[in-house]
Amino acid sequence: MVASSTVPSVASIFVPESLRKKTKTQEQAREQRVAAAAEKKSAAQKKRELIAKRAEAYETEYRAAEREQIDLARKARAEGNFYVAEEPKLIFVVRIRGINNIPPKARKIMQLLRLLQINNGVFVKFNKATKEMLQVVEPYVTYGVPNRKAVRDLIYKRGFGKINKQRISLADNSMIEANLGKYSILSVEDLIHEIYTVGPNFKQAANFIWPFKLSSPLGGFRERKFTHFIEGGDAGKRDEHINGLLKQMV
């Protein structure tokens, strides 16, 4: 008669204390990673919802402002008057001339405006100080009032941020939040809104955007490039006509 062999049960197998501690530590680390991933996913979802709500609110604000302008113009016509809109707060400036024969004062202003190359463009808050600066450099630049579409196209199609003195594409909202989050600017739509409405943090937002590198306009500038716009050239103030030029340069 053959004696049956005794097989130790799983419970009776000796497990070293160090291995039990290691297994427990690994399980805790795994649980923490899973919890952190879930928390990160939830936070990202909430942020996307916040950005979407803000974008919707901006759109409502834009439509209300446009409707107000239309209503004011109609009211003025009904009363036999002319409606004169408020002076614009935002302008877009494009450099159209090189460095040759530029006097020192104009050259310094171009540096302050960050217009270092031909076809560079920047958003500028239009006030008394910038108006005086533009009068000095008017023969070397053209500028006007960008509409909302022009602002969006510029930032979405040609927008780059200045991050650690590097020119970085604005392809990810996280980069905008990392640099402008303390000003409650979390996304591209927030950035567009701050620029277009010339918000309280306009200076920080505008300085964050690297000067736009635009293409030469389709067909080139006019033959009298250095003549003022109102005289048939390209230089100087062109008000809302800047939008047609930007459409060709973006």
C-alpha atoms as a PDB file:
ATOM      1  CA  MET A   1       0.000   0.000   0.000  1.00  0.00           C
ATOM      2  CA  VAL A   2       1.460   3.316  -1.162  1.00  0.00           C
ATOM      3  CA  ALA A   3       1.405   6.127   1.372  1.00  0.00           C
ATOM      4  CA  SER A   4      -0.227   9.274   0.068  1.00  0.00           C
ATOM      5  CA  SER A   5       2.112  12.274  -0.217  1.00  0.00           C
ATOM      6  CA  THR A   6       1.270  15.279   1.887  1.00  0.00           C
ATOM      7  CA  VAL A   7       0.864  18.531  -0.153  1.00  0.00           C
ATOM      8  CA  PRO A   8       1.128  21.690   1.926  1.00  0.00           C
ATOM      9  CA  SER A   9      -1.824  24.054   1.618  1.00  0.00           C
ATOM     10  CA  VAL A  10      -1.415  27.583   0.265  1.00  0.00           C
ATOM     11  CA  ALA A  11      -2.163  29.013   3.693  1.00  0.00           C
ATOM     12  CA  SER A  12       0.677  27.012   5.207  1.00  0.00           C
ATOM     13  CA  ILE A  13       3.306  28.296   2.708  1.00  0.00           C
ATOM     14  CA  PHE A  14       5.670  30.639   4.476  1.00  0.00           C
ATOM     15  CA  VAL A  15       5.847  34.159   2.956  1.00  0.00           C
ATOM     16  CA  PRO A  16       8.742  36.318   4.077  1.00  0.00           C
ATOM     17  CA  GLU A  17       7.745  39.482   5.908  1.00  0.00           C
ATOM     18  CA  SER A  18       9.768  41.637   3.488  1.00  0.00           C
ATOM     19  CA  LEU A  19       7.824  40.200   0.509  1.00  0.00           C
ATOM     20  CA  ARG A  20       4.481  40.864   2.219  1.00  0.00           C
ATOM     21  CA  LYS A  21       5.502  44.467   2.885  1.00  0.00           C
ATOM     22  CA  LYS A  22       6.702  44.899  -0.684  1.00  0.00           C
ATOM     23  CA  THR A  23       3.433  43.495  -2.094  1.00  0.00           C
ATOM     24  CA  LYS A  24       1.374  45.752   0.177  1.00  0.00           C
ATOM     25  CA  THR A  25       3.435  48.799  -0.834  1.00  0.00           C
ATOM     26  CA  GLN A  26       2.985  47.979  -4.520  1.00  0.00           C
ATOM     27  CA  GLU A  27      -0.786  47.595  -4.074  1.00  0.00           C
ATOM     28  CA  GLN A  28      -1.007  50.930  -2.260  1.00  0.00           C
ATOM     29  CA  ALA A  29       1.057  52.640  -4.972  1.00  0.00           C
ATOM     30  CA  ARG A  30      -1.194  51.145  -7.661  1.00  0.00           C
ATOM     31  CA  GLU A  31      -4.323  52.329  -5.835  1.00  0.00           C
ATOM     32  CA  GLN A  32      -2.815  55.826  -5.520  1.00  0.00           C
ATOM     33  CA  ARG A  33      -1.983  55.922  -9.247  1.00  0.00           C
ATOM     34  CA  VAL A  34      -5.510  54.862 -10.160  1.00  0.00           C
ATOM     35  CA  ALA A  35      -7.010  57.466  -7.809  1.00  0.00           C
ATOM     36  CA  ALA A  36      -4.677  60.184  -9.128  1.00  0.00           C
ATOM     37  CA  ALA A  37      -5.531  59.315 -12.738  1.00  0.00           C
ATOM     38  CA  ALA A  38      -9.250  59.445 -11.959  1.00  0.00           C
ATOM     39  CA  GLU A  39      -8.841  62.776 -10.169  1.00  0.00           C
ATOM     40  CA  LYS A  40      -6.808  64.196 -13.068  1.00  0.00           C
ATOM     41  CA  LYS A  41      -9.431  63.023 -15.566  1.00  0.00           C
ATOM     42  CA  SER A  42     -12.214  64.589 -13.504  1.00  0.00           C
ATOM     43  CA  ALA A  43     -10.314  67.884 -13.189  1.00  0.00           C
ATOM     44  CA  ALA A  44      -9.640  67.956 -16.937  1.00  0.00           C
ATOM     45  CA  GLN A  45     -13.328  67.353 -17.650  1.00  0.00           C
ATOM     46  CA  LYS A  46     -14.362  70.182 -15.310  1.00  0.00           C
ATOM     47  CA  LYS A  47     -11.838  72.498 -16.966  1.00  0.00           C
ATOM     48  CA  ARG A  48     -13.150  71.668 -20.436  1.00  0.00           C
ATOM     49  CA  GLU A  49     -16.675  72.406 -19.235  1.00  0.00           C
ATOM     50  CA  LEU A  50     -15.496  75.719 -17.739  1.00  0.00           C
ATOM     51  CA  ILE A  51     -13.739  76.716 -20.973  1.00  0.00           C
ATOM     52  CA  ALA A  52     -16.832  75.805 -23.000  1.00  0.00           C
ATOM     53  CA  LYS A  53     -19.079  77.873 -20.699  1.00  0.00           C
ATOM     54  CA  ARG A  54     -16.738  80.837 -20.951  1.00  0.00           C
ATOM     55  CA  ALA A  55     -16.651  80.607 -24.745  1.00  0.00           C
ATOM     56  CA  GLU A  56     -20.456  80.548 -24.804  1.00  0.00           C
ATOM     57  CA  ALA A  57     -20.604  83.559 -22.478  1.00  0.00           C
ATOM     58  CA  TYR A  58     -18.136  85.455 -24.686  1.00  0.00           C
ATOM     59  CA  GLU A  59     -20.250  84.757 -27.757  1.00  0.00           C
ATOM     60  CA  THR A  60     -23.328  86.068 -25.973  1.00  0.00           C
ATOM     61  CA  GLU A  61     -21.396  89.174 -24.922  1.00  0.00           C
ATOM     62  CA  TYR A  62     -20.190  89.809 -28.484  1.00  0.00           C
ATOM     63  CA  ARG A  63     -23.680  89.453 -29.932  1.00  0.00           C
ATOM     64  CA  ALA A  64     -25.138  91.796 -27.301  1.00  0.00           C
ATOM     65  CA  ALA A  65     -22.481  94.432 -28.056  1.00  0.00           C
ATOM     66  CA  GLU A  66     -23.118  94.185 -31.803  1.00  0.00           C
ATOM     67  CA  ARG A  67     -26.878  94.457 -31.244  1.00  0.00           C
ATOM     68  CA  GLU A  68     -26.365  97.528 -29.052  1.00  0.00           C
ATOM     69  CA  GLN A  69     -24.356  99.252 -31.800  1.00  0.00           C
ATOM     70  CA  ILE A  70     -27.084  98.508 -34.348  1.00  0.00           C
ATOM     71  CA  ASP A  71     -29.812  99.783 -32.022  1.00  0.00           C
ATOM     72  CA  LEU A  72     -27.919 102.994 -31.256  1.00  0.00           C
ATOM     73  CA  ALA A  73     -27.358 103.653 -34.963  1.00  0.00           C
ATOM     74  CA  ARG A  74     -31.050 103.082 -35.728  1.00  0.00           C
ATOM     75  CA  LYS A  75     -32.123 105.330 -32.879  1.00  0.00           C
ATOM     76  CA  ALA A  76     -29.830 108.105 -34.115  1.00  0.00           C
ATOM     77  CA  ARG A  77     -31.216 107.830 -37.654  1.00  0.00           C
ATOM     78  CA  ALA A  78     -34.788 107.891 -36.350  1.00  0.00           C
ATOM     79  CA  GLU A  79     -34.013 111.131 -34.519  1.00  0.00           C
ATOM     80  CA  GLY A  80     -32.341 112.621 -37.584  1.00  0.00           C
ATOM     81  CA  ASN A  81     -28.856 112.405 -36.070  1.00  0.00           C
ATOM     82  CA  PHE A  82     -25.647 110.599 -36.915  1.00  0.00           C
ATOM     83  CA  TYR A  83     -24.315 107.865 -34.693  1.00  0.00           C
ATOM     84  CA  VAL A  84     -20.606 108.168 -33.938  1.00  0.00           C
ATOM     85  CA  ALA A  85     -19.069 105.056 -32.388  1.00  0.00           C
ATOM     86  CA  GLU A  86     -16.634 105.291 -29.506  1.00  0.00           C
ATOM     87  CA  GLU A  87     -12.963 105.608 -30.323  1.00  0.00           C
ATOM     88  CA  PRO A  88     -11.499 102.113 -30.709  1.00  0.00           C
ATOM     89  CA  LYS A  89      -9.502 100.662 -27.847  1.00  0.00           C
ATOM     90  CA  LEU A  90      -7.641  98.064 -29.909  1.00  0.00           C
ATOM     91  CA  ILE A  91      -5.530  98.458 -33.027  1.00  0.00           C
ATOM     92  CA  PHE A  92      -3.254  96.130 -34.947  1.00  0.00           C
ATOM     93  CA  VAL A  93       0.044  97.505 -36.242  1.00  0.00           C
ATOM     94  CA  VAL A  94       2.072  96.000 -39.105  1.00  0.00           C
ATOM     95  CA  ARG A  95       5.593  97.047 -40.058  1.00  0.00           C
ATOM     96  CA  ILE A  96       5.937  97.622 -43.817  1.00  0.00           C
ATOM     97  CA  ARG A  97       9.432  99.136 -44.132  1.00  0.00           C
ATOM     98  CA  GLY A  98      12.936  97.949 -43.348  1.00  0.00           C
ATOM     99  CA  ILE A  99      15.683  99.568 -41.293  1.00  0.00           C
ATOM    100  CA  ASN A 100      17.148 101.867 -43.953  1.00  0.00           C
ATOM    101  CA  ASN A 101      16.917 105.617 -43.328  1.00  0.00           C
ATOM    102  CA  ILE A 102      14.868 105.327 -40.144  1.00  0.00           C
ATOM    103  CA  PRO A 103      15.677 108.102 -37.629  1.00  0.00           C
ATOM    104  CA  PRO A 104      16.755 107.052 -34.099  1.00  0.00           C
ATOM    105  CA  LYS A 105      13.499 108.055 -32.377  1.00  0.00           C
ATOM    106  CA  ALA A 106      11.361 106.086 -34.821  1.00  0.00           C
ATOM    107  CA  ARG A 107      13.749 103.132 -34.548  1.00  0.00           C
ATOM    108  CA  LYS A 108      13.424 103.156 -30.751  1.00  0.00           C
ATOM    109  CA  ILE A 109       9.629 103.236 -30.936  1.00  0.00           C
ATOM    110  CA  MET A 110       9.668 100.293 -33.343  1.00  0.00           C
ATOM    111  CA  GLN A 111      11.705  98.382 -30.773  1.00  0.00           C
ATOM    112  CA  LEU A 112       9.247  99.290 -28.011  1.00  0.00           C
ATOM    113  CA  LEU A 113       6.397  98.053 -30.190  1.00  0.00           C
ATOM    114  CA  ARG A 114       8.397  94.846 -30.887  1.00  0.00           C
ATOM    115  CA  LEU A 115       8.214  95.455 -34.635  1.00  0.00           C
ATOM    116  CA  LEU A 116      11.730  94.301 -35.473  1.00  0.00           C
ATOM    117  CA  GLN A 117      11.152  92.931 -38.988  1.00  0.00           C
ATOM    118  CA  ILE A 118       9.080  93.700 -42.059  1.00  0.00           C
ATOM    119  CA  ASN A 119       5.583  92.148 -41.852  1.00  0.00           C
ATOM    120  CA  ASN A 120       5.768  91.825 -38.065  1.00  0.00           C
ATOM    121  CA  GLY A 121       2.453  92.681 -36.430  1.00  0.00           C
ATOM    122  CA  VAL A 122       1.299  93.354 -32.862  1.00  0.00           C
ATOM    123  CA  PHE A 123      -1.858  94.210 -30.944  1.00  0.00           C
ATOM    124  CA  VAL A 124      -1.675  97.636 -29.319  1.00  0.00           C
ATOM    125  CA  LYS A 125      -3.952  99.355 -26.811  1.00  0.00           C
ATOM    126  CA  PHE A 126      -4.998 102.609 -28.477  1.00  0.00           C
ATOM    127  CA  ASN A 127      -4.575 105.523 -26.072  1.00  0.00           C
ATOM    128  CA  LYS A 128      -2.922 108.925 -26.017  1.00  0.00           C
ATOM    129  CA  ALA A 129       0.586 107.533 -25.522  1.00  0.00           C
ATOM    130  CA  THR A 130       0.411 104.947 -28.310  1.00  0.00           C
ATOM    131  CA  LYS A 131      -1.286 107.462 -30.622  1.00  0.00           C
ATOM    132  CA  GLU A 132       1.702 109.804 -30.253  1.00  0.00           C
ATOM    133  CA  MET A 133       4.124 106.922 -30.847  1.00  0.00           C
ATOM    134  CA  LEU A 134       2.314 105.866 -34.002  1.00  0.00           C
ATOM    135  CA  GLN A 135       2.417 109.393 -35.373  1.00  0.00           C
ATOM    136  CA  VAL A 136       6.224 109.201 -35.244  1.00  0.00           C
ATOM    137  CA  VAL A 137       6.483 105.805 -36.995  1.00  0.00           C
ATOM    138  CA  GLU A 138       3.516 106.274 -39.335  1.00  0.00           C
ATOM    139  CA  PRO A 139       5.655 106.267 -42.529  1.00  0.00           C
ATOM    140  CA  TYR A 140       7.006 102.815 -41.608  1.00  0.00           C
ATOM    141  CA  VAL A 141       3.861 101.025 -40.448  1.00  0.00           C
ATOM    142  CA  THR A 142       0.214 100.569 -41.274  1.00  0.00           C
ATOM    143  CA  TYR A 143      -2.441 100.095 -38.634  1.00  0.00           C
ATOM    144  CA  GLY A 144      -6.160  99.907 -38.070  1.00  0.00           C
ATOM    145  CA  VAL A 145      -9.012  98.451 -36.050  1.00  0.00           C
ATOM    146  CA  PRO A 146      -9.181  94.634 -36.286  1.00  0.00           C
ATOM    147  CA  ASN A 147     -12.591  92.995 -36.128  1.00  0.00           C
ATOM    148  CA  ARG A 148     -13.297  89.889 -34.062  1.00  0.00           C
ATOM    149  CA  LYS A 149     -12.711  87.518 -36.975  1.00  0.00           C
ATOM    150  CA  ALA A 150      -9.320  89.067 -37.689  1.00  0.00           C
ATOM    151  CA  VAL A 151      -8.276  88.709 -34.030  1.00  0.00           C
ATOM    152  CA  ARG A 152      -9.373  85.063 -33.964  1.00  0.00           C
ATOM    153  CA  ASP A 153      -7.650  84.232 -37.257  1.00  0.00           C
ATOM    154  CA  LEU A 154      -4.416  85.880 -36.176  1.00  0.00           C
ATOM    155  CA  ILE A 155      -4.239  84.021 -32.867  1.00  0.00           C
ATOM    156  CA  TYR A 156      -5.447  80.657 -34.142  1.00  0.00           C
ATOM    157  CA  LYS A 157      -3.468  80.618 -37.402  1.00  0.00           C
ATOM    158  CA  ARG A 158      -0.344  82.644 -36.594  1.00  0.00           C
ATOM    159  CA  GLY A 159      -0.302  82.771 -32.802  1.00  0.00           C
ATOM    160  CA  PHE A 160       2.832  81.844 -30.864  1.00  0.00           C
ATOM    161  CA  GLY A 161       3.526  82.369 -27.178  1.00  0.00           C
ATOM    162  CA  LYS A 162       6.679  83.678 -25.549  1.00  0.00           C
ATOM    163  CA  ILE A 163       7.627  80.938 -23.103  1.00  0.00           C
ATOM    164  CA  ASN A 164      11.077  81.031 -21.491  1.00  0.00           C
ATOM    165  CA  LYS A 165      12.121  83.424 -24.279  1.00  0.00           C
ATOM    166  CA  GLN A 166      11.182  80.753 -26.818  1.00  0.00           C
ATOM    167  CA  ARG A 167       8.610  81.062 -29.635  1.00  0.00           C
ATOM    168  CA  ILE A 168       6.153  78.252 -28.881  1.00  0.00           C
ATOM    169  CA  SER A 169       3.001  77.397 -30.839  1.00  0.00           C
ATOM    170  CA  LEU A 170      -0.290  77.927 -28.987  1.00  0.00           C
ATOM    171  CA  ALA A 171      -1.407  74.373 -29.693  1.00  0.00           C
ATOM    172  CA  ASP A 172      -2.243  73.473 -26.101  1.00  0.00           C
ATOM    173  CA  ASN A 173      -4.376  75.385 -23.604  1.00  0.00           C
ATOM    174  CA  SER A 174      -2.179  74.105 -20.783  1.00  0.00           C
ATOM    175  CA  MET A 175       0.678  76.329 -21.983  1.00  0.00           C
ATOM    176  CA  ILE A 176      -1.579  79.372 -21.870  1.00  0.00           C
ATOM    177  CA  GLU A 177      -2.819  78.450 -18.397  1.00  0.00           C
ATOM    178  CA  ALA A 178       0.718  77.881 -17.131  1.00  0.00           C
ATOM    179  CA  ASN A 179       1.772  81.389 -18.186  1.00  0.00           C
ATOM    180  CA  LEU A 180      -1.434  83.421 -17.852  1.00  0.00           C
ATOM    181  CA  GLY A 181      -3.520  81.338 -15.442  1.00  0.00           C
ATOM    182  CA  LYS A 182      -2.909  83.825 -12.618  1.00  0.00           C
ATOM    183  CA  TYR A 183      -4.798  86.365 -14.739  1.00  0.00           C
ATOM    184  CA  SER A 184      -7.706  83.899 -15.212  1.00  0.00           C
ATOM    185  CA  ILE A 185      -6.682  83.314 -18.837  1.00  0.00           C
ATOM    186  CA  LEU A 186      -6.901  79.540 -19.261  1.00  0.00           C
ATOM    187  CA  SER A 187      -7.468  78.945 -22.972  1.00  0.00           C
ATOM    188  CA  VAL A 188      -7.130  80.392 -26.456  1.00  0.00           C
ATOM    189  CA  GLU A 189     -10.699  81.711 -26.224  1.00  0.00           C
ATOM    190  CA  ASP A 190      -9.839  83.520 -22.990  1.00  0.00           C
ATOM    191  CA  LEU A 191      -6.782  85.005 -24.698  1.00  0.00           C
ATOM    192  CA  ILE A 192      -8.836  86.160 -27.700  1.00  0.00           C
ATOM    193  CA  HIS A 193     -11.438  87.725 -25.403  1.00  0.00           C
ATOM    194  CA  GLU A 194      -8.818  89.569 -23.347  1.00  0.00           C
ATOM    195  CA  ILE A 195      -7.208  90.975 -26.498  1.00  0.00           C
ATOM    196  CA  TYR A 196     -10.391  91.829 -28.403  1.00  0.00           C
ATOM    197  CA  THR A 197     -12.094  93.549 -25.451  1.00  0.00           C
ATOM    198  CA  VAL A 198      -8.830  95.130 -24.203  1.00  0.00           C
ATOM    199  CA  GLY A 199      -9.449  93.638 -20.787  1.00  0.00           C
ATOM    200  CA  PRO A 200      -7.721  94.537 -17.506  1.00  0.00           C
ATOM    201  CA  ASN A 201      -4.869  92.107 -18.254  1.00  0.00           C
ATOM    202  CA  PHE A 202      -4.416  93.167 -21.870  1.00  0.00           C
ATOM    203  CA  LYS A 203      -0.775  94.143 -21.361  1.00  0.00           C
ATOM    204  CA  GLN A 204       0.194  90.718 -19.996  1.00  0.00           C
ATOM    205  CA  ALA A 205      -1.800  88.908 -22.700  1.00  0.00           C
ATOM    206  CA  ALA A 206      -0.382  91.007 -25.550  1.00  0.00           C
ATOM    207  CA  ASN A 207       3.189  90.648 -24.268  1.00  0.00           C
ATOM    208  CA  PHE A 208       2.734  86.879 -23.983  1.00  0.00           C
ATOM    209  CA  ILE A 209       1.924  86.678 -27.701  1.00  0.00           C
ATOM    210  CA  TRP A 210       5.059  86.639 -29.828  1.00  0.00           C
ATOM    211  CA  PRO A 211       4.961  89.358 -32.545  1.00  0.00           C
ATOM    212  CA  PHE A 212       3.077  87.907 -35.492  1.00  0.00           C
ATOM    213  CA  LYS A 213       5.151  86.940 -38.517  1.00  0.00           C
ATOM    214  CA  LEU A 214       2.826  87.628 -41.424  1.00  0.00           C
ATOM    215  CA  SER A 215       3.176  86.876 -45.120  1.00  0.00           C
ATOM    216  CA  SER A 216       3.440  89.593 -47.739  1.00  0.00           C
ATOM    217  CA  PRO A 217      -0.069  90.422 -48.974  1.00  0.00           C
ATOM    218  CA  LEU A 218      -1.302  88.584 -52.024  1.00  0.00           C
ATOM    219  CA  GLY A 219      -0.077  90.577 -55.007  1.00  0.00           C
ATOM    220  CA  GLY A 220       2.249  92.622 -52.799  1.00  0.00           C
ATOM    221  CA  PHE A 221       1.801  96.115 -51.440  1.00  0.00           C
ATOM    222  CA  ARG A 222       0.844  98.997 -53.689  1.00  0.00           C
ATOM    223  CA  GLU A 223       3.414 100.683 -55.892  1.00  0.00           C
ATOM    224  CA  ARG A 224       3.384 103.694 -53.596  1.00  0.00           C
ATOM    225  CA  LYS A 225       4.029 101.648 -50.501  1.00  0.00           C
ATOM    226  CA  PHE A 226       5.510 104.552 -48.546  1.00  0.00           C
ATOM    227  CA  THR A 227       2.680 106.968 -49.343  1.00  0.00           C
ATOM    228  CA  HIS A 228      -0.083 107.403 -46.774  1.00  0.00           C
ATOM    229  CA  PHE A 229      -3.101 105.127 -47.150  1.00  0.00           C
ATOM    230  CA  ILE A 230      -5.512 108.028 -47.703  1.00  0.00           C
ATOM    231  CA  GLU A 231      -3.317 109.183 -50.588  1.00  0.00           C
ATOM    232  CA  GLY A 232      -3.400 105.814 -52.310  1.00  0.00           C
ATOM    233  CA  GLY A 233      -0.439 104.195 -50.564  1.00  0.00           C
ATOM    234  CA  ASP A 234      -0.130 101.687 -47.721  1.00  0.00           C
ATOM    235  CA  ALA A 235       1.431 103.539 -44.789  1.00  0.00           C
ATOM    236  CA  GLY A 236      -0.397 104.978 -41.824  1.00  0.00           C
ATOM    237  CA  LYS A 237      -3.870 104.630 -40.384  1.00  0.00           C
ATOM    238  CA  ARG A 238      -6.458 102.663 -42.355  1.00  0.00           C
ATOM    239  CA  ASP A 239      -9.142 102.061 -39.699  1.00  0.00           C
ATOM    240  CA  GLU A 240     -11.358  99.032 -40.498  1.00  0.00           C
ATOM    241  CA  HIS A 241      -9.614  98.526 -43.857  1.00  0.00           C
ATOM    242  CA  ILE A 242      -6.845  96.744 -41.934  1.00  0.00           C
ATOM    243  CA  ASN A 243      -9.076  93.659 -41.944  1.00  0.00           C
ATOM    244  CA  GLY A 244      -8.885  93.274 -45.710  1.00  0.00           C
ATOM    245  CA  LEU A 245      -5.091  93.515 -45.552  1.00  0.00           C
ATOM    246  CA  LEU A 246      -4.850  90.992 -42.715  1.00  0.00           C
ATOM    247  CA  LYS A 247      -7.010  88.553 -44.646  1.00  0.00           C
ATOM    248  CA  GLN A 248      -4.307  88.532 -47.328  1.00  0.00           C
ATOM    249  CA  MET A 249      -1.392  88.321 -44.884  1.00  0.00           C
ATOM    250  CA  VAL A 250      -2.534  85.658 -42.387  1.00  0.00           C
END
